[in-house]
Amino acid sequence: MHKLLNLLLVTAVLVCGFVLYSLEHQTRGLEREAAKYQRGINEEVENMRLLNAEWSSLIRPDRIRTLAERFLGLSTLKAQQIVKLGEISNHVPAEPMTNLQAEGTDPIGAIIDGMKKQ
């Protein structure tokens, strides 16, 4: 009877040891996986910081003004360009300066060119 009890206890100890080893192995695997995800998160946070810094550099008002002047031909607003609501009709033509039905022309471009000449 004692031998059978000892055998069962030894078997139970071995089974418990195997279960504990399995749990430890799974736990370490999950810890490695969590560490991998944490590294990925840290990399993405760093990428976001870099992108925010680059975005801040790209939207600087002096840079945008320089690009608008160089590529769009725009300049800063002058005091002479500000008009009151009642004076708008004096500055904007009542009718388009070009025939919008004409083939092979750029009616919007012609209107803008006409407004530049005034």
PDB file of N, CA and C in Angstrom:
ATOM      1  N   MET A   1       0.827  -1.197   0.000  1.00  0.00           N
ATOM      2  CA  MET A   1       0.000   0.000   0.000  1.00  0.00           C
ATOM      3  C   MET A   1       0.864   1.251   0.000  1.00  0.00           C
ATOM      4  N   HIS A   2       1.932   1.246   0.840  1.00  0.00           N
ATOM      5  CA  HIS A   2       2.819   2.408   0.908  1.00  0.00           C
ATOM      6  C   HIS A   2       3.568   2.603  -0.407  1.00  0.00           C
ATOM      7  N   LYS A   3       3.923   1.463  -1.060  1.00  0.00           N
ATOM      8  CA  LYS A   3       4.626   1.567  -2.323  1.00  0.00           C
ATOM      9  C   LYS A   3       3.731   2.190  -3.395  1.00  0.00           C
ATOM     10  N   LEU A   4       2.472   1.803  -3.401  1.00  0.00           N
ATOM     11  CA  LEU A   4       1.527   2.364  -4.371  1.00  0.00           C
ATOM     12  C   LEU A   4       1.316   3.856  -4.115  1.00  0.00           C
ATOM     13  N   LEU A   5       1.179   4.214  -2.859  1.00  0.00           N
ATOM     14  CA  LEU A   5       1.019   5.629  -2.496  1.00  0.00           C
ATOM     15  C   LEU A   5       2.270   6.419  -2.882  1.00  0.00           C
ATOM     16  N   ASN A   6       3.447   5.880  -2.614  1.00  0.00           N
ATOM     17  CA  ASN A   6       4.695   6.548  -2.992  1.00  0.00           C
ATOM     18  C   ASN A   6       4.785   6.706  -4.512  1.00  0.00           C
ATOM     19  N   LEU A   7       4.402   5.668  -5.239  1.00  0.00           N
ATOM     20  CA  LEU A   7       4.425   5.721  -6.703  1.00  0.00           C
ATOM     21  C   LEU A   7       3.477   6.790  -7.216  1.00  0.00           C
ATOM     22  N   LEU A   8       2.290   6.877  -6.638  1.00  0.00           N
ATOM     23  CA  LEU A   8       1.323   7.907  -7.043  1.00  0.00           C
ATOM     24  C   LEU A   8       1.841   9.306  -6.718  1.00  0.00           C
ATOM     25  N   LEU A   9       2.466   9.446  -5.557  1.00  0.00           N
ATOM     26  CA  LEU A   9       3.001  10.750  -5.175  1.00  0.00           C
ATOM     27  C   LEU A   9       4.163  11.166  -6.080  1.00  0.00           C
ATOM     28  N   VAL A  10       5.042  10.236  -6.379  1.00  0.00           N
ATOM     29  CA  VAL A  10       6.165  10.536  -7.284  1.00  0.00           C
ATOM     30  C   VAL A  10       5.629  10.906  -8.656  1.00  0.00           C
ATOM     31  N   THR A  11       4.644  10.143  -9.133  1.00  0.00           N
ATOM     32  CA  THR A  11       4.026  10.444 -10.430  1.00  0.00           C
ATOM     33  C   THR A  11       3.372  11.822 -10.395  1.00  0.00           C
ATOM     34  N   ALA A  12       2.694  12.145  -9.309  1.00  0.00           N
ATOM     35  CA  ALA A  12       2.044  13.458  -9.181  1.00  0.00           C
ATOM     36  C   ALA A  12       3.088  14.573  -9.175  1.00  0.00           C
ATOM     37  N   VAL A  13       4.222  14.343  -8.486  1.00  0.00           N
ATOM     38  CA  VAL A  13       5.294  15.342  -8.451  1.00  0.00           C
ATOM     39  C   VAL A  13       5.863  15.530  -9.850  1.00  0.00           C
ATOM     40  N   LEU A  14       6.085  14.450 -10.577  1.00  0.00           N
ATOM     41  CA  LEU A  14       6.605  14.545 -11.945  1.00  0.00           C
ATOM     42  C   LEU A  14       5.624  15.275 -12.871  1.00  0.00           C
ATOM     43  N   VAL A  15       4.335  14.953 -12.748  1.00  0.00           N
ATOM     44  CA  VAL A  15       3.314  15.623 -13.567  1.00  0.00           C
ATOM     45  C   VAL A  15       3.265  17.111 -13.231  1.00  0.00           C
ATOM     46  N   CYS A  16       3.315  17.421 -11.934  1.00  0.00           N
ATOM     47  CA  CYS A  16       3.309  18.843 -11.525  1.00  0.00           C
ATOM     48  C   CYS A  16       4.551  19.551 -12.037  1.00  0.00           C
ATOM     49  N   GLY A  17       5.696  18.903 -11.985  1.00  0.00           N
ATOM     50  CA  GLY A  17       6.927  19.501 -12.505  1.00  0.00           C
ATOM     51  C   GLY A  17       6.823  19.754 -13.999  1.00  0.00           C
ATOM     52  N   PHE A  18       6.285  18.783 -14.737  1.00  0.00           N
ATOM     53  CA  PHE A  18       6.107  18.973 -16.176  1.00  0.00           C
ATOM     54  C   PHE A  18       5.146  20.117 -16.474  1.00  0.00           C
ATOM     55  N   VAL A  19       4.042  20.182 -15.733  1.00  0.00           N
ATOM     56  CA  VAL A  19       3.062  21.258 -15.927  1.00  0.00           C
ATOM     57  C   VAL A  19       3.695  22.614 -15.613  1.00  0.00           C
ATOM     58  N   LEU A  20       4.453  22.683 -14.524  1.00  0.00           N
ATOM     59  CA  LEU A  20       5.129  23.938 -14.169  1.00  0.00           C
ATOM     60  C   LEU A  20       6.133  24.346 -15.234  1.00  0.00           C
ATOM     61  N   TYR A  21       6.895  23.376 -15.758  1.00  0.00           N
ATOM     62  CA  TYR A  21       7.849  23.680 -16.814  1.00  0.00           C
ATOM     63  C   TYR A  21       7.129  24.189 -18.057  1.00  0.00           C
ATOM     64  N   SER A  22       6.030  23.570 -18.412  1.00  0.00           N
ATOM     65  CA  SER A  22       5.243  23.999 -19.578  1.00  0.00           C
ATOM     66  C   SER A  22       4.718  25.417 -19.384  1.00  0.00           C
ATOM     67  N   LEU A  23       4.194  25.694 -18.204  1.00  0.00           N
ATOM     68  CA  LEU A  23       3.675  27.032 -17.925  1.00  0.00           C
ATOM     69  C   LEU A  23       4.793  28.074 -17.973  1.00  0.00           C
ATOM     70  N   GLU A  24       5.966  27.716 -17.438  1.00  0.00           N
ATOM     71  CA  GLU A  24       7.089  28.648 -17.467  1.00  0.00           C
ATOM     72  C   GLU A  24       7.511  28.903 -18.915  1.00  0.00           C
ATOM     73  N   HIS A  25       7.554  27.856 -19.714  1.00  0.00           N
ATOM     74  CA  HIS A  25       7.934  28.004 -21.117  1.00  0.00           C
ATOM     75  C   HIS A  25       6.923  28.893 -21.862  1.00  0.00           C
ATOM     76  N   GLN A  26       5.646  28.682 -21.645  1.00  0.00           N
ATOM     77  CA  GLN A  26       4.611  29.508 -22.273  1.00  0.00           C
ATOM     78  C   GLN A  26       4.713  30.963 -21.806  1.00  0.00           C
ATOM     79  N   THR A  27       4.960  31.137 -20.508  1.00  0.00           N
ATOM     80  CA  THR A  27       5.072  32.481 -19.943  1.00  0.00           C
ATOM     81  C   THR A  27       6.242  33.232 -20.557  1.00  0.00           C
ATOM     82  N   ARG A  28       7.381  32.563 -20.662  1.00  0.00           N
ATOM     83  CA  ARG A  28       8.554  33.213 -21.275  1.00  0.00           C
ATOM     84  C   ARG A  28       8.295  33.544 -22.746  1.00  0.00           C
ATOM     85  N   GLY A  29       7.605  32.670 -23.443  1.00  0.00           N
ATOM     86  CA  GLY A  29       7.244  32.950 -24.839  1.00  0.00           C
ATOM     87  C   GLY A  29       6.338  34.171 -24.945  1.00  0.00           C
ATOM     88  N   LEU A  30       5.353  34.256 -24.049  1.00  0.00           N
ATOM     89  CA  LEU A  30       4.456  35.415 -24.042  1.00  0.00           C
ATOM     90  C   LEU A  30       5.205  36.690 -23.661  1.00  0.00           C
ATOM     91  N   GLU A  31       6.179  36.572 -22.739  1.00  0.00           N
ATOM     92  CA  GLU A  31       6.986  37.743 -22.371  1.00  0.00           C
ATOM     93  C   GLU A  31       7.808  38.226 -23.562  1.00  0.00           C
ATOM     94  N   ARG A  32       8.395  37.288 -24.324  1.00  0.00           N
ATOM     95  CA  ARG A  32       9.149  37.665 -25.524  1.00  0.00           C
ATOM     96  C   ARG A  32       8.246  38.333 -26.558  1.00  0.00           C
ATOM     97  N   GLU A  33       7.055  37.790 -26.726  1.00  0.00           N
ATOM     98  CA  GLU A  33       6.100  38.362 -27.678  1.00  0.00           C
ATOM     99  C   GLU A  33       5.668  39.765 -27.243  1.00  0.00           C
ATOM    100  N   ALA A  34       5.411  39.938 -25.941  1.00  0.00           N
ATOM    101  CA  ALA A  34       5.035  41.261 -25.427  1.00  0.00           C
ATOM    102  C   ALA A  34       6.177  42.254 -25.606  1.00  0.00           C
ATOM    103  N   ALA A  35       7.417  41.801 -25.376  1.00  0.00           N
ATOM    104  CA  ALA A  35       8.576  42.679 -25.566  1.00  0.00           C
ATOM    105  C   ALA A  35       8.707  43.072 -27.042  1.00  0.00           C
ATOM    106  N   LYS A  36       8.432  42.136 -27.958  1.00  0.00           N
ATOM    107  CA  LYS A  36       8.490  42.430 -29.390  1.00  0.00           C
ATOM    108  C   LYS A  36       7.440  43.482 -29.752  1.00  0.00           C
ATOM    109  N   TYR A  37       6.235  43.330 -29.226  1.00  0.00           N
ATOM    110  CA  TYR A  37       5.178  44.313 -29.498  1.00  0.00           C
ATOM    111  C   TYR A  37       5.538  45.678 -28.906  1.00  0.00           C
ATOM    112  N   GLN A  38       6.136  45.669 -27.730  1.00  0.00           N
ATOM    113  CA  GLN A  38       6.530  46.927 -27.093  1.00  0.00           C
ATOM    114  C   GLN A  38       7.595  47.637 -27.918  1.00  0.00           C
ATOM    115  N   ARG A  39       8.550  46.875 -28.459  1.00  0.00           N
ATOM    116  CA  ARG A  39       9.564  47.474 -29.334  1.00  0.00           C
ATOM    117  C   ARG A  39       8.908  48.072 -30.571  1.00  0.00           C
ATOM    118  N   GLY A  40       7.943  47.352 -31.139  1.00  0.00           N
ATOM    119  CA  GLY A  40       7.222  47.877 -32.309  1.00  0.00           C
ATOM    120  C   GLY A  40       6.478  49.159 -31.979  1.00  0.00           C
ATOM    121  N   ILE A  41       5.845  49.193 -30.825  1.00  0.00           N
ATOM    122  CA  ILE A  41       5.119  50.394 -30.395  1.00  0.00           C
ATOM    123  C   ILE A  41       6.091  51.549 -30.217  1.00  0.00           C
ATOM    124  N   ASN A  42       7.238  51.285 -29.585  1.00  0.00           N
ATOM    125  CA  ASN A  42       8.235  52.340 -29.389  1.00  0.00           C
ATOM    126  C   ASN A  42       8.762  52.865 -30.716  1.00  0.00           C
ATOM    127  N   GLU A  43       8.968  51.979 -31.694  1.00  0.00           N
ATOM    128  CA  GLU A  43       9.411  52.412 -33.022  1.00  0.00           C
ATOM    129  C   GLU A  43       8.356  53.297 -33.686  1.00  0.00           C
ATOM    130  N   GLU A  44       7.103  52.905 -33.572  1.00  0.00           N
ATOM    131  CA  GLU A  44       6.033  53.699 -34.191  1.00  0.00           C
ATOM    132  C   GLU A  44       5.881  55.058 -33.511  1.00  0.00           C
ATOM    133  N   VAL A  45       6.044  55.093 -32.198  1.00  0.00           N
ATOM    134  CA  VAL A  45       5.989  56.382 -31.488  1.00  0.00           C
ATOM    135  C   VAL A  45       7.122  57.286 -31.971  1.00  0.00           C
ATOM    136  N   GLU A  46       8.305  56.709 -32.137  1.00  0.00           N
ATOM    137  CA  GLU A  46       9.443  57.494 -32.642  1.00  0.00           C
ATOM    138  C   GLU A  46       9.183  57.974 -34.068  1.00  0.00           C
ATOM    139  N   ASN A  47       8.604  57.101 -34.898  1.00  0.00           N
ATOM    140  CA  ASN A  47       8.248  57.508 -36.265  1.00  0.00           C
ATOM    141  C   ASN A  47       7.241  58.645 -36.250  1.00  0.00           C
ATOM    142  N   MET A  48       6.265  58.579 -35.348  1.00  0.00           N
ATOM    143  CA  MET A  48       5.269  59.651 -35.251  1.00  0.00           C
ATOM    144  C   MET A  48       5.928  60.957 -34.828  1.00  0.00           C
ATOM    145  N   ARG A  49       6.882  60.884 -33.908  1.00  0.00           N
ATOM    146  CA  ARG A  49       7.596  62.103 -33.497  1.00  0.00           C
ATOM    147  C   ARG A  49       8.366  62.698 -34.669  1.00  0.00           C
ATOM    148  N   LEU A  50       9.034  61.844 -35.436  1.00  0.00           N
ATOM    149  CA  LEU A  50       9.765  62.327 -36.607  1.00  0.00           C
ATOM    150  C   LEU A  50       8.823  62.949 -37.633  1.00  0.00           C
ATOM    151  N   LEU A  51       7.688  62.294 -37.882  1.00  0.00           N
ATOM    152  CA  LEU A  51       6.725  62.824 -38.848  1.00  0.00           C
ATOM    153  C   LEU A  51       6.121  64.144 -38.371  1.00  0.00           C
ATOM    154  N   ASN A  52       5.856  64.254 -37.075  1.00  0.00           N
ATOM    155  CA  ASN A  52       5.338  65.521 -36.544  1.00  0.00           C
ATOM    156  C   ASN A  52       6.359  66.638 -36.703  1.00  0.00           C
ATOM    157  N   ALA A  53       7.630  66.309 -36.458  1.00  0.00           N
ATOM    158  CA  ALA A  53       8.677  67.323 -36.629  1.00  0.00           C
ATOM    159  C   ALA A  53       8.796  67.721 -38.091  1.00  0.00           C
ATOM    160  N   GLU A  54       8.724  66.748 -38.991  1.00  0.00           N
ATOM    161  CA  GLU A  54       8.802  67.056 -40.421  1.00  0.00           C
ATOM    162  C   GLU A  54       7.591  67.881 -40.862  1.00  0.00           C
ATOM    163  N   TRP A  55       6.414  67.507 -40.363  1.00  0.00           N
ATOM    164  CA  TRP A  55       5.198  68.253 -40.702  1.00  0.00           C
ATOM    165  C   TRP A  55       5.310  69.699 -40.214  1.00  0.00           C
ATOM    166  N   SER A  56       5.816  69.883 -39.011  1.00  0.00           N
ATOM    167  CA  SER A  56       5.993  71.238 -38.482  1.00  0.00           C
ATOM    168  C   SER A  56       6.944  72.036 -39.364  1.00  0.00           C
ATOM    169  N   SER A  57       7.956  71.365 -39.870  1.00  0.00           N
ATOM    170  CA  SER A  57       8.900  72.043 -40.760  1.00  0.00           C
ATOM    171  C   SER A  57       8.242  72.399 -42.087  1.00  0.00           C
ATOM    172  N   LEU A  58       7.400  71.510 -42.594  1.00  0.00           N
ATOM    173  CA  LEU A  58       6.775  71.739 -43.900  1.00  0.00           C
ATOM    174  C   LEU A  58       5.706  72.825 -43.872  1.00  0.00           C
ATOM    175  N   ILE A  59       5.047  73.042 -42.741  1.00  0.00           N
ATOM    176  CA  ILE A  59       3.945  74.013 -42.701  1.00  0.00           C
ATOM    177  C   ILE A  59       4.351  75.346 -42.098  1.00  0.00           C
ATOM    178  N   ARG A  60       5.673  75.611 -42.039  1.00  0.00           N
ATOM    179  CA  ARG A  60       6.124  76.915 -41.550  1.00  0.00           C
ATOM    180  C   ARG A  60       5.591  77.998 -42.478  1.00  0.00           C
ATOM    181  N   PRO A  61       5.020  79.072 -41.939  1.00  0.00           N
ATOM    182  CA  PRO A  61       4.443  80.123 -42.784  1.00  0.00           C
ATOM    183  C   PRO A  61       5.452  80.753 -43.743  1.00  0.00           C
ATOM    184  N   ASP A  62       6.695  80.935 -43.316  1.00  0.00           N
ATOM    185  CA  ASP A  62       7.674  81.541 -44.216  1.00  0.00           C
ATOM    186  C   ASP A  62       8.001  80.613 -45.379  1.00  0.00           C
ATOM    187  N   ARG A  63       8.010  79.299 -45.152  1.00  0.00           N
ATOM    188  CA  ARG A  63       8.259  78.350 -46.232  1.00  0.00           C
ATOM    189  C   ARG A  63       7.089  78.342 -47.212  1.00  0.00           C
ATOM    190  N   ILE A  64       5.872  78.329 -46.692  1.00  0.00           N
ATOM    191  CA  ILE A  64       4.691  78.326 -47.562  1.00  0.00           C
ATOM    192  C   ILE A  64       4.630  79.609 -48.374  1.00  0.00           C
ATOM    193  N   ARG A  65       4.954  80.747 -47.759  1.00  0.00           N
ATOM    194  CA  ARG A  65       4.951  82.017 -48.479  1.00  0.00           C
ATOM    195  C   ARG A  65       5.974  81.989 -49.621  1.00  0.00           C
ATOM    196  N   THR A  66       7.163  81.457 -49.345  1.00  0.00           N
ATOM    197  CA  THR A  66       8.204  81.363 -50.371  1.00  0.00           C
ATOM    198  C   THR A  66       7.757  80.463 -51.521  1.00  0.00           C
ATOM    199  N   LEU A  67       7.156  79.334 -51.205  1.00  0.00           N
ATOM    200  CA  LEU A  67       6.677  78.421 -52.250  1.00  0.00           C
ATOM    201  C   LEU A  67       5.537  79.043 -53.048  1.00  0.00           C
ATOM    202  N   ALA A  68       4.642  79.755 -52.374  1.00  0.00           N
ATOM    203  CA  ALA A  68       3.522  80.399 -53.072  1.00  0.00           C
ATOM    204  C   ALA A  68       4.030  81.479 -54.015  1.00  0.00           C
ATOM    205  N   GLU A  69       5.035  82.225 -53.596  1.00  0.00           N
ATOM    206  CA  GLU A  69       5.596  83.254 -54.466  1.00  0.00           C
ATOM    207  C   GLU A  69       6.326  82.634 -55.646  1.00  0.00           C
ATOM    208  N   ARG A  70       7.087  81.569 -55.402  1.00  0.00           N
ATOM    209  CA  ARG A  70       7.897  80.964 -56.459  1.00  0.00           C
ATOM    210  C   ARG A  70       7.053  80.209 -57.482  1.00  0.00           C
ATOM    211  N   PHE A  71       6.126  79.352 -57.021  1.00  0.00           N
ATOM    212  CA  PHE A  71       5.428  78.456 -57.937  1.00  0.00           C
ATOM    213  C   PHE A  71       4.043  78.947 -58.352  1.00  0.00           C
ATOM    214  N   LEU A  72       3.394  79.735 -57.532  1.00  0.00           N
ATOM    215  CA  LEU A  72       2.042  80.188 -57.847  1.00  0.00           C
ATOM    216  C   LEU A  72       1.991  81.659 -58.241  1.00  0.00           C
ATOM    217  N   GLY A  73       3.079  82.349 -58.063  1.00  0.00           N
ATOM    218  CA  GLY A  73       3.086  83.773 -58.394  1.00  0.00           C
ATOM    219  C   GLY A  73       2.260  84.605 -57.438  1.00  0.00           C
ATOM    220  N   LEU A  74       2.022  84.093 -56.238  1.00  0.00           N
ATOM    221  CA  LEU A  74       1.222  84.813 -55.249  1.00  0.00           C
ATOM    222  C   LEU A  74       2.131  85.685 -54.394  1.00  0.00           C
ATOM    223  N   SER A  75       1.563  86.720 -53.850  1.00  0.00           N
ATOM    224  CA  SER A  75       2.319  87.569 -52.928  1.00  0.00           C
ATOM    225  C   SER A  75       1.447  87.852 -51.717  1.00  0.00           C
ATOM    226  N   THR A  76       2.029  88.510 -50.730  1.00  0.00           N
ATOM    227  CA  THR A  76       1.277  88.804 -49.515  1.00  0.00           C
ATOM    228  C   THR A  76       0.193  89.843 -49.816  1.00  0.00           C
ATOM    229  N   LEU A  77      -0.807  89.872 -49.001  1.00  0.00           N
ATOM    230  CA  LEU A  77      -1.935  90.788 -49.166  1.00  0.00           C
ATOM    231  C   LEU A  77      -1.488  92.221 -48.934  1.00  0.00           C
ATOM    232  N   LYS A  78      -1.895  93.083 -49.848  1.00  0.00           N
ATOM    233  CA  LYS A  78      -1.562  94.500 -49.730  1.00  0.00           C
ATOM    234  C   LYS A  78      -2.800  95.259 -49.266  1.00  0.00           C
ATOM    235  N   ALA A  79      -2.599  96.401 -48.675  1.00  0.00           N
ATOM    236  CA  ALA A  79      -3.713  97.192 -48.154  1.00  0.00           C
ATOM    237  C   ALA A  79      -4.654  97.624 -49.278  1.00  0.00           C
ATOM    238  N   GLN A  80      -4.131  97.807 -50.492  1.00  0.00           N
ATOM    239  CA  GLN A  80      -4.966  98.237 -51.615  1.00  0.00           C
ATOM    240  C   GLN A  80      -5.915  97.126 -52.076  1.00  0.00           C
ATOM    241  N   GLN A  81      -5.632  95.904 -51.713  1.00  0.00           N
ATOM    242  CA  GLN A  81      -6.474  94.792 -52.127  1.00  0.00           C
ATOM    243  C   GLN A  81      -7.710  94.629 -51.244  1.00  0.00           C
ATOM    244  N   ILE A  82      -7.746  95.271 -50.118  1.00  0.00           N
ATOM    245  CA  ILE A  82      -8.877  95.139 -49.197  1.00  0.00           C
ATOM    246  C   ILE A  82      -9.942  96.161 -49.591  1.00  0.00           C
ATOM    247  N   VAL A  83     -11.135  95.684 -49.862  1.00  0.00           N
ATOM    248  CA  VAL A  83     -12.242  96.571 -50.244  1.00  0.00           C
ATOM    249  C   VAL A  83     -13.437  96.277 -49.347  1.00  0.00           C
ATOM    250  N   LYS A  84     -14.323  97.230 -49.280  1.00  0.00           N
ATOM    251  CA  LYS A  84     -15.554  97.049 -48.523  1.00  0.00           C
ATOM    252  C   LYS A  84     -16.542  96.266 -49.373  1.00  0.00           C
ATOM    253  N   LEU A  85     -17.537  95.706 -48.740  1.00  0.00           N
ATOM    254  CA  LEU A  85     -18.506  94.868 -49.433  1.00  0.00           C
ATOM    255  C   LEU A  85     -19.206  95.636 -50.551  1.00  0.00           C
ATOM    256  N   GLY A  86     -19.529  96.886 -50.332  1.00  0.00           N
ATOM    257  CA  GLY A  86     -20.222  97.681 -51.346  1.00  0.00           C
ATOM    258  C   GLY A  86     -19.343  98.020 -52.535  1.00  0.00           C
ATOM    259  N   GLU A  87     -18.033  97.954 -52.398  1.00  0.00           N
ATOM    260  CA  GLU A  87     -17.109  98.306 -53.484  1.00  0.00           C
ATOM    261  C   GLU A  87     -16.725  97.115 -54.351  1.00  0.00           C
ATOM    262  N   ILE A  88     -17.187  95.935 -54.025  1.00  0.00           N
ATOM    263  CA  ILE A  88     -16.799  94.745 -54.785  1.00  0.00           C
ATOM    264  C   ILE A  88     -17.249  94.855 -56.231  1.00  0.00           C
ATOM    265  N   SER A  89     -18.436  95.396 -56.479  1.00  0.00           N
ATOM    266  CA  SER A  89     -18.931  95.494 -57.853  1.00  0.00           C
ATOM    267  C   SER A  89     -18.028  96.388 -58.708  1.00  0.00           C
ATOM    268  N   ASN A  90     -17.298  97.327 -58.129  1.00  0.00           N
ATOM    269  CA  ASN A  90     -16.372  98.170 -58.890  1.00  0.00           C
ATOM    270  C   ASN A  90     -15.127  97.406 -59.313  1.00  0.00           C
ATOM    271  N   HIS A  91     -14.785  96.337 -58.602  1.00  0.00           N
ATOM    272  CA  HIS A  91     -13.551  95.598 -58.858  1.00  0.00           C
ATOM    273  C   HIS A  91     -13.765  94.299 -59.636  1.00  0.00           C
ATOM    274  N   VAL A  92     -14.977  93.791 -59.644  1.00  0.00           N
ATOM    275  CA  VAL A  92     -15.270  92.534 -60.325  1.00  0.00           C
ATOM    276  C   VAL A  92     -16.178  92.844 -61.511  1.00  0.00           C
ATOM    277  N   PRO A  93     -15.846  92.345 -62.712  1.00  0.00           N
ATOM    278  CA  PRO A  93     -16.687  92.620 -63.877  1.00  0.00           C
ATOM    279  C   PRO A  93     -18.057  91.958 -63.733  1.00  0.00           C
ATOM    280  N   ALA A  94     -19.069  92.629 -64.272  1.00  0.00           N
ATOM    281  CA  ALA A  94     -20.430  92.104 -64.187  1.00  0.00           C
ATOM    282  C   ALA A  94     -20.601  90.892 -65.087  1.00  0.00           C
ATOM    283  N   GLU A  95     -19.995  90.910 -66.255  1.00  0.00           N
ATOM    284  CA  GLU A  95     -20.085  89.813 -67.216  1.00  0.00           C
ATOM    285  C   GLU A  95     -18.698  89.240 -67.447  1.00  0.00           C
ATOM    286  N   PRO A  96     -18.626  87.964 -67.759  1.00  0.00           N
ATOM    287  CA  PRO A  96     -17.311  87.396 -68.086  1.00  0.00           C
ATOM    288  C   PRO A  96     -16.706  88.091 -69.304  1.00  0.00           C
ATOM    289  N   MET A  97     -15.388  88.229 -69.308  1.00  0.00           N
ATOM    290  CA  MET A  97     -14.717  88.929 -70.385  1.00  0.00           C
ATOM    291  C   MET A  97     -14.541  88.064 -71.619  1.00  0.00           C
ATOM    292  N   THR A  98     -14.776  86.775 -71.514  1.00  0.00           N
ATOM    293  CA  THR A  98     -14.632  85.883 -72.663  1.00  0.00           C
ATOM    294  C   THR A  98     -15.915  85.097 -72.847  1.00  0.00           C
ATOM    295  N   ASN A  99     -16.087  84.587 -74.052  1.00  0.00           N
ATOM    296  CA  ASN A  99     -17.226  83.738 -74.345  1.00  0.00           C
ATOM    297  C   ASN A  99     -16.944  82.354 -73.774  1.00  0.00           C
ATOM    298  N   LEU A 100     -17.764  81.918 -72.853  1.00  0.00           N
ATOM    299  CA  LEU A 100     -17.531  80.634 -72.200  1.00  0.00           C
ATOM    300  C   LEU A 100     -17.796  79.460 -73.135  1.00  0.00           C
ATOM    301  N   GLN A 101     -18.454  79.693 -74.282  1.00  0.00           N
ATOM    302  CA  GLN A 101     -18.777  78.625 -75.209  1.00  0.00           C
ATOM    303  C   GLN A 101     -17.696  78.425 -76.271  1.00  0.00           C
ATOM    304  N   ALA A 102     -16.693  79.271 -76.301  1.00  0.00           N
ATOM    305  CA  ALA A 102     -15.661  79.186 -77.335  1.00  0.00           C
ATOM    306  C   ALA A 102     -14.890  77.884 -77.195  1.00  0.00           C
ATOM    307  N   GLU A 103     -14.594  77.251 -78.332  1.00  0.00           N
ATOM    308  CA  GLU A 103     -13.879  75.975 -78.346  1.00  0.00           C
ATOM    309  C   GLU A 103     -12.369  76.208 -78.282  1.00  0.00           C
ATOM    310  N   GLY A 104     -11.678  75.334 -77.573  1.00  0.00           N
ATOM    311  CA  GLY A 104     -10.228  75.371 -77.542  1.00  0.00           C
ATOM    312  C   GLY A 104      -9.646  76.526 -76.755  1.00  0.00           C
ATOM    313  N   THR A 105     -10.419  77.160 -75.897  1.00  0.00           N
ATOM    314  CA  THR A 105      -9.909  78.262 -75.092  1.00  0.00           C
ATOM    315  C   THR A 105     -10.019  77.907 -73.625  1.00  0.00           C
ATOM    316  N   ASP A 106      -9.349  78.674 -72.831  1.00  0.00           N
ATOM    317  CA  ASP A 106      -9.398  78.505 -71.382  1.00  0.00           C
ATOM    318  C   ASP A 106     -10.132  79.710 -70.815  1.00  0.00           C
ATOM    319  N   PRO A 107     -11.453  79.621 -70.651  1.00  0.00           N
ATOM    320  CA  PRO A 107     -12.217  80.805 -70.239  1.00  0.00           C
ATOM    321  C   PRO A 107     -11.831  81.312 -68.846  1.00  0.00           C
ATOM    322  N   ILE A 108     -11.578  80.412 -67.930  1.00  0.00           N
ATOM    323  CA  ILE A 108     -11.215  80.846 -66.576  1.00  0.00           C
ATOM    324  C   ILE A 108      -9.864  81.543 -66.602  1.00  0.00           C
ATOM    325  N   GLY A 109      -8.903  80.963 -67.358  1.00  0.00           N
ATOM    326  CA  GLY A 109      -7.599  81.584 -67.474  1.00  0.00           C
ATOM    327  C   GLY A 109      -7.683  82.964 -68.110  1.00  0.00           C
ATOM    328  N   ALA A 110      -8.561  83.102 -69.095  1.00  0.00           N
ATOM    329  CA  ALA A 110      -8.733  84.403 -69.747  1.00  0.00           C
ATOM    330  C   ALA A 110      -9.321  85.423 -68.777  1.00  0.00           C
ATOM    331  N   ILE A 111     -10.261  85.015 -67.952  1.00  0.00           N
ATOM    332  CA  ILE A 111     -10.845  85.927 -66.964  1.00  0.00           C
ATOM    333  C   ILE A 111      -9.767  86.387 -65.989  1.00  0.00           C
ATOM    334  N   ILE A 112      -8.957  85.432 -65.542  1.00  0.00           N
ATOM    335  CA  ILE A 112      -7.901  85.786 -64.581  1.00  0.00           C
ATOM    336  C   ILE A 112      -6.895  86.732 -65.235  1.00  0.00           C
ATOM    337  N   ASP A 113      -6.508  86.457 -66.497  1.00  0.00           N
ATOM    338  CA  ASP A 113      -5.579  87.334 -67.202  1.00  0.00           C
ATOM    339  C   ASP A 113      -6.183  88.716 -67.368  1.00  0.00           C
ATOM    340  N   GLY A 114      -7.469  88.785 -67.680  1.00  0.00           N
ATOM    341  CA  GLY A 114      -8.133  90.083 -67.817  1.00  0.00           C
ATOM    342  C   GLY A 114      -8.169  90.842 -66.519  1.00  0.00           C
ATOM    343  N   MET A 115      -8.350  90.157 -65.414  1.00  0.00           N
ATOM    344  CA  MET A 115      -8.388  90.814 -64.109  1.00  0.00           C
ATOM    345  C   MET A 115      -6.994  91.296 -63.711  1.00  0.00           C
ATOM    346  N   LYS A 116      -5.938  90.565 -64.136  1.00  0.00           N
ATOM    347  CA  LYS A 116      -4.584  90.995 -63.823  1.00  0.00           C
ATOM    348  C   LYS A 116      -4.238  92.295 -64.540  1.00  0.00           C
ATOM    349  N   LYS A 117      -4.786  92.472 -65.756  1.00  0.00           N
ATOM    350  CA  LYS A 117      -4.468  93.655 -66.558  1.00  0.00           C
ATOM    351  C   LYS A 117      -5.134  94.908 -65.993  1.00  0.00           C
ATOM    352  N   GLN A 118      -6.198  94.765 -65.261  1.00  0.00           N
ATOM    353  CA  GLN A 118      -6.920  95.933 -64.746  1.00  0.00           C
ATOM    354  C   GLN A 118      -6.189  96.611 -63.660  1.00  0.00           C
TER     355      GLN A 118
END
